[in-house]
């Protein structure tokens, strides 16, 4: 399996979730299964089946996170040479050329992406169009709503 890029903050977020799953949620669901077993017949015990389903989800998520972390290429953007080029991890301020609206995005890994927080995946059409550009460049890309055009206003490595 190839290396998957991940920001340092994204890797820390996954580690925290993994720790929570292992130290809090897993023991809680094990106790819920034990409590449900005490209620008798397991075939008709909805609490038992719900707890087992939750346990299955937790174990699957633990394996998923461990796999992602083991194959991650963690990139600390603060250690990069600030040359003004848009790269993975960079925070970019853009101005929409049609509406003059200003937006700011950070290019992150697939697992970290959250458009509401301004985090876009490096594999998104906008991020692919931005990578390699510098301040003052124009960007055009095909969005679901049609062609969008932006100007790169500022590139930060934070």
C-alpha atoms as a PDB file:
ATOM      1  CA  UNK A   1       0.000   0.000   0.000  1.00  0.00           C
ATOM      2  CA  UNK A   2       1.333   3.432  -0.876  1.00  0.00           C
ATOM      3  CA  UNK A   3       1.919   6.231   1.615  1.00  0.00           C
ATOM      4  CA  UNK A   4      -1.025   8.548   2.242  1.00  0.00           C
ATOM      5  CA  UNK A   5      -0.254  12.205   3.033  1.00  0.00           C
ATOM      6  CA  UNK A   6      -1.502  13.491   6.373  1.00  0.00           C
ATOM      7  CA  UNK A   7      -0.832  16.761   8.175  1.00  0.00           C
ATOM      8  CA  UNK A   8       0.706  16.642  11.635  1.00  0.00           C
ATOM      9  CA  UNK A   9      -2.532  17.955  13.177  1.00  0.00           C
ATOM     10  CA  UNK A  10      -4.548  15.362  11.251  1.00  0.00           C
ATOM     11  CA  UNK A  11      -2.318  12.555  12.526  1.00  0.00           C
ATOM     12  CA  UNK A  12      -2.723  13.848  16.086  1.00  0.00           C
ATOM     13  CA  UNK A  13      -6.514  13.968  15.623  1.00  0.00           C
ATOM     14  CA  UNK A  14      -6.509  10.306  14.491  1.00  0.00           C
ATOM     15  CA  UNK A  15      -4.286   9.298  17.417  1.00  0.00           C
ATOM     16  CA  UNK A  16      -6.687  10.992  19.864  1.00  0.00           C
ATOM     17  CA  UNK A  17      -9.671   9.213  18.319  1.00  0.00           C
ATOM     18  CA  UNK A  18      -7.806   5.886  18.468  1.00  0.00           C
ATOM     19  CA  UNK A  19      -6.953   6.453  22.137  1.00  0.00           C
ATOM     20  CA  UNK A  20     -10.600   7.290  22.917  1.00  0.00           C
ATOM     21  CA  UNK A  21     -11.822   4.183  21.104  1.00  0.00           C
ATOM     22  CA  UNK A  22      -9.376   1.909  22.924  1.00  0.00           C
ATOM     23  CA  UNK A  23      -9.518   3.413  26.417  1.00  0.00           C
ATOM     24  CA  UNK A  24     -13.129   4.637  26.687  1.00  0.00           C
ATOM     25  CA  UNK A  25     -15.516   3.259  24.084  1.00  0.00           C
ATOM     26  CA  UNK A  26     -14.191  -0.313  23.841  1.00  0.00           C
ATOM     27  CA  UNK A  27     -14.377  -0.966  27.643  1.00  0.00           C
ATOM     28  CA  UNK A  28     -17.830   0.673  27.783  1.00  0.00           C
ATOM     29  CA  UNK A  29     -19.258  -1.583  25.067  1.00  0.00           C
ATOM     30  CA  UNK A  30     -17.650  -4.690  26.602  1.00  0.00           C
ATOM     31  CA  UNK A  31     -19.406  -3.858  29.855  1.00  0.00           C
ATOM     32  CA  UNK A  32     -22.686  -3.278  27.981  1.00  0.00           C
ATOM     33  CA  UNK A  33     -22.385  -6.743  26.398  1.00  0.00           C
ATOM     34  CA  UNK A  34     -21.700  -8.317  29.790  1.00  0.00           C
ATOM     35  CA  UNK A  35     -24.720  -6.520  31.311  1.00  0.00           C
ATOM     36  CA  UNK A  36     -26.958  -7.601  28.417  1.00  0.00           C
ATOM     37  CA  UNK A  37     -25.855 -11.242  28.795  1.00  0.00           C
ATOM     38  CA  UNK A  38     -27.085 -11.206  32.370  1.00  0.00           C
ATOM     39  CA  UNK A  39     -30.620 -10.494  31.129  1.00  0.00           C
ATOM     40  CA  UNK A  40     -31.007 -14.009  29.782  1.00  0.00           C
ATOM     41  CA  UNK A  41     -31.910 -15.306  26.317  1.00  0.00           C
ATOM     42  CA  UNK A  42     -29.499 -13.724  23.818  1.00  0.00           C
ATOM     43  CA  UNK A  43     -31.629 -14.555  20.757  1.00  0.00           C
ATOM     44  CA  UNK A  44     -34.311 -12.024  21.692  1.00  0.00           C
ATOM     45  CA  UNK A  45     -32.128  -9.582  23.604  1.00  0.00           C
ATOM     46  CA  UNK A  46     -32.093  -6.304  21.652  1.00  0.00           C
ATOM     47  CA  UNK A  47     -29.608  -4.678  24.062  1.00  0.00           C
ATOM     48  CA  UNK A  48     -27.136  -7.494  23.470  1.00  0.00           C
ATOM     49  CA  UNK A  49     -27.439  -7.279  19.684  1.00  0.00           C
ATOM     50  CA  UNK A  50     -27.095  -3.486  19.721  1.00  0.00           C
ATOM     51  CA  UNK A  51     -24.000  -3.689  21.927  1.00  0.00           C
ATOM     52  CA  UNK A  52     -22.438  -6.356  19.686  1.00  0.00           C
ATOM     53  CA  UNK A  53     -23.133  -4.209  16.617  1.00  0.00           C
ATOM     54  CA  UNK A  54     -21.520  -1.219  18.326  1.00  0.00           C
ATOM     55  CA  UNK A  55     -18.533  -3.378  19.293  1.00  0.00           C
ATOM     56  CA  UNK A  56     -18.136  -4.442  15.681  1.00  0.00           C
ATOM     57  CA  UNK A  57     -18.175  -0.805  14.554  1.00  0.00           C
ATOM     58  CA  UNK A  58     -15.601   0.219  17.191  1.00  0.00           C
ATOM     59  CA  UNK A  59     -13.241  -2.652  16.325  1.00  0.00           C
ATOM     60  CA  UNK A  60     -13.542  -1.841  12.614  1.00  0.00           C
ATOM     61  CA  UNK A  61     -12.786   1.830  13.235  1.00  0.00           C
ATOM     62  CA  UNK A  62      -9.759   0.929  15.385  1.00  0.00           C
ATOM     63  CA  UNK A  63      -8.343  -1.241  12.584  1.00  0.00           C
ATOM     64  CA  UNK A  64      -9.093   1.493  10.028  1.00  0.00           C
ATOM     65  CA  UNK A  65      -7.280   4.194  12.017  1.00  0.00           C
ATOM     66  CA  UNK A  66      -4.317   1.935  12.819  1.00  0.00           C
ATOM     67  CA  UNK A  67      -3.997   1.121   9.111  1.00  0.00           C
ATOM     68  CA  UNK A  68      -4.147   4.773   8.102  1.00  0.00           C
ATOM     69  CA  UNK A  69      -1.553   5.793  10.671  1.00  0.00           C
ATOM     70  CA  UNK A  70       0.783   2.953   9.670  1.00  0.00           C
ATOM     71  CA  UNK A  71       0.636   4.016   6.017  1.00  0.00           C
ATOM     72  CA  UNK A  72       0.645   7.769   6.621  1.00  0.00           C
ATOM     73  CA  UNK A  73       3.305  10.115   5.381  1.00  0.00           C
ATOM     74  CA  UNK A  74       3.031  12.838   7.996  1.00  0.00           C
ATOM     75  CA  UNK A  75       3.882  16.236   6.567  1.00  0.00           C
ATOM     76  CA  UNK A  76       4.590  19.089   8.964  1.00  0.00           C
ATOM     77  CA  UNK A  77       4.001  22.218   6.892  1.00  0.00           C
ATOM     78  CA  UNK A  78       5.734  24.427   9.472  1.00  0.00           C
ATOM     79  CA  UNK A  79       9.033  22.693   8.624  1.00  0.00           C
ATOM     80  CA  UNK A  80       8.740  23.485   4.905  1.00  0.00           C
ATOM     81  CA  UNK A  81      10.677  26.259   3.196  1.00  0.00           C
ATOM     82  CA  UNK A  82       8.208  29.107   2.590  1.00  0.00           C
ATOM     83  CA  UNK A  83       8.725  29.785  -1.109  1.00  0.00           C
ATOM     84  CA  UNK A  84       5.199  30.995  -1.857  1.00  0.00           C
ATOM     85  CA  UNK A  85       4.125  27.882  -3.771  1.00  0.00           C
ATOM     86  CA  UNK A  86       0.901  26.119  -2.875  1.00  0.00           C
ATOM     87  CA  UNK A  87       1.716  22.639  -1.571  1.00  0.00           C
ATOM     88  CA  UNK A  88       0.072  19.993   0.588  1.00  0.00           C
ATOM     89  CA  UNK A  89      -0.711  21.522   3.993  1.00  0.00           C
ATOM     90  CA  UNK A  90      -0.622  25.134   2.808  1.00  0.00           C
ATOM     91  CA  UNK A  91      -3.371  27.524   3.841  1.00  0.00           C
ATOM     92  CA  UNK A  92      -4.567  29.531   0.865  1.00  0.00           C
ATOM     93  CA  UNK A  93      -6.702  32.669   0.723  1.00  0.00           C
ATOM     94  CA  UNK A  94      -8.635  32.958  -2.525  1.00  0.00           C
ATOM     95  CA  UNK A  95     -10.915  35.543  -4.078  1.00  0.00           C
ATOM     96  CA  UNK A  96     -13.758  34.380  -6.308  1.00  0.00           C
ATOM     97  CA  UNK A  97     -13.342  36.292  -9.576  1.00  0.00           C
ATOM     98  CA  UNK A  98     -17.105  36.314 -10.222  1.00  0.00           C
ATOM     99  CA  UNK A  99     -18.386  37.412  -6.811  1.00  0.00           C
ATOM    100  CA  UNK A 100     -15.295  38.992  -5.155  1.00  0.00           C
ATOM    101  CA  UNK A 101     -16.013  36.714  -2.182  1.00  0.00           C
ATOM    102  CA  UNK A 102     -12.932  35.751  -0.163  1.00  0.00           C
ATOM    103  CA  UNK A 103     -12.432  32.172   1.095  1.00  0.00           C
ATOM    104  CA  UNK A 104      -9.597  30.433   2.919  1.00  0.00           C
ATOM    105  CA  UNK A 105      -8.779  26.738   2.640  1.00  0.00           C
ATOM    106  CA  UNK A 106      -6.061  24.449   3.924  1.00  0.00           C
ATOM    107  CA  UNK A 107      -5.072  21.510   1.738  1.00  0.00           C
ATOM    108  CA  UNK A 108      -5.128  18.345   3.864  1.00  0.00           C
ATOM    109  CA  UNK A 109      -5.382  14.569   3.577  1.00  0.00           C
ATOM    110  CA  UNK A 110      -8.601  12.793   2.635  1.00  0.00           C
ATOM    111  CA  UNK A 111      -9.380  11.783   6.237  1.00  0.00           C
ATOM    112  CA  UNK A 112      -8.972  15.332   7.546  1.00  0.00           C
ATOM    113  CA  UNK A 113     -11.120  17.119   4.973  1.00  0.00           C
ATOM    114  CA  UNK A 114     -14.007  19.153   6.383  1.00  0.00           C
ATOM    115  CA  UNK A 115     -15.270  21.926   4.132  1.00  0.00           C
ATOM    116  CA  UNK A 116     -17.104  23.607   7.038  1.00  0.00           C
ATOM    117  CA  UNK A 117     -13.738  24.077   8.772  1.00  0.00           C
ATOM    118  CA  UNK A 118     -12.021  25.190   5.558  1.00  0.00           C
ATOM    119  CA  UNK A 119     -10.113  21.916   5.147  1.00  0.00           C
ATOM    120  CA  UNK A 120     -10.146  20.495   1.614  1.00  0.00           C
ATOM    121  CA  UNK A 121      -8.727  17.203   0.431  1.00  0.00           C
ATOM    122  CA  UNK A 122      -5.600  17.277  -1.726  1.00  0.00           C
ATOM    123  CA  UNK A 123      -7.505  15.093  -4.189  1.00  0.00           C
ATOM    124  CA  UNK A 124     -10.385  17.577  -4.619  1.00  0.00           C
ATOM    125  CA  UNK A 125     -10.661  19.426  -7.946  1.00  0.00           C
ATOM    126  CA  UNK A 126      -9.951  22.794  -6.281  1.00  0.00           C
ATOM    127  CA  UNK A 127      -6.853  21.554  -4.440  1.00  0.00           C
ATOM    128  CA  UNK A 128      -5.505  19.870  -7.570  1.00  0.00           C
ATOM    129  CA  UNK A 129      -5.960  23.162  -9.451  1.00  0.00           C
ATOM    130  CA  UNK A 130      -4.219  25.131  -6.665  1.00  0.00           C
ATOM    131  CA  UNK A 131      -1.137  22.954  -6.099  1.00  0.00           C
ATOM    132  CA  UNK A 132       1.947  24.527  -7.652  1.00  0.00           C
ATOM    133  CA  UNK A 133       0.420  28.002  -8.022  1.00  0.00           C
ATOM    134  CA  UNK A 134       1.734  31.147  -6.291  1.00  0.00           C
ATOM    135  CA  UNK A 135       0.228  34.402  -5.009  1.00  0.00           C
ATOM    136  CA  UNK A 136      -1.345  36.394  -7.845  1.00  0.00           C
ATOM    137  CA  UNK A 137      -2.075  33.352 -10.037  1.00  0.00           C
ATOM    138  CA  UNK A 138      -5.574  32.655 -11.312  1.00  0.00           C
ATOM    139  CA  UNK A 139      -7.129  29.227 -10.856  1.00  0.00           C
ATOM    140  CA  UNK A 140      -9.936  27.721 -12.919  1.00  0.00           C
ATOM    141  CA  UNK A 141     -11.507  24.338 -12.235  1.00  0.00           C
ATOM    142  CA  UNK A 142     -14.677  22.397 -12.941  1.00  0.00           C
ATOM    143  CA  UNK A 143     -16.919  22.367  -9.870  1.00  0.00           C
ATOM    144  CA  UNK A 144     -20.245  20.524  -9.661  1.00  0.00           C
ATOM    145  CA  UNK A 145     -21.981  23.865 -10.357  1.00  0.00           C
ATOM    146  CA  UNK A 146     -19.812  24.659 -13.396  1.00  0.00           C
ATOM    147  CA  UNK A 147     -16.527  26.437 -14.042  1.00  0.00           C
ATOM    148  CA  UNK A 148     -15.196  28.396 -11.029  1.00  0.00           C
ATOM    149  CA  UNK A 149     -12.369  30.921 -11.130  1.00  0.00           C
ATOM    150  CA  UNK A 150     -10.320  32.215  -8.210  1.00  0.00           C
ATOM    151  CA  UNK A 151      -7.288  34.406  -7.687  1.00  0.00           C
ATOM    152  CA  UNK A 152      -4.675  33.321  -5.153  1.00  0.00           C
ATOM    153  CA  UNK A 153      -4.396  36.183  -2.648  1.00  0.00           C
ATOM    154  CA  UNK A 154      -2.148  34.700   0.038  1.00  0.00           C
ATOM    155  CA  UNK A 155      -0.282  31.452   0.736  1.00  0.00           C
ATOM    156  CA  UNK A 156       0.596  30.572   4.360  1.00  0.00           C
ATOM    157  CA  UNK A 157       2.464  27.660   5.895  1.00  0.00           C
ATOM    158  CA  UNK A 158       0.849  27.426   9.331  1.00  0.00           C
END
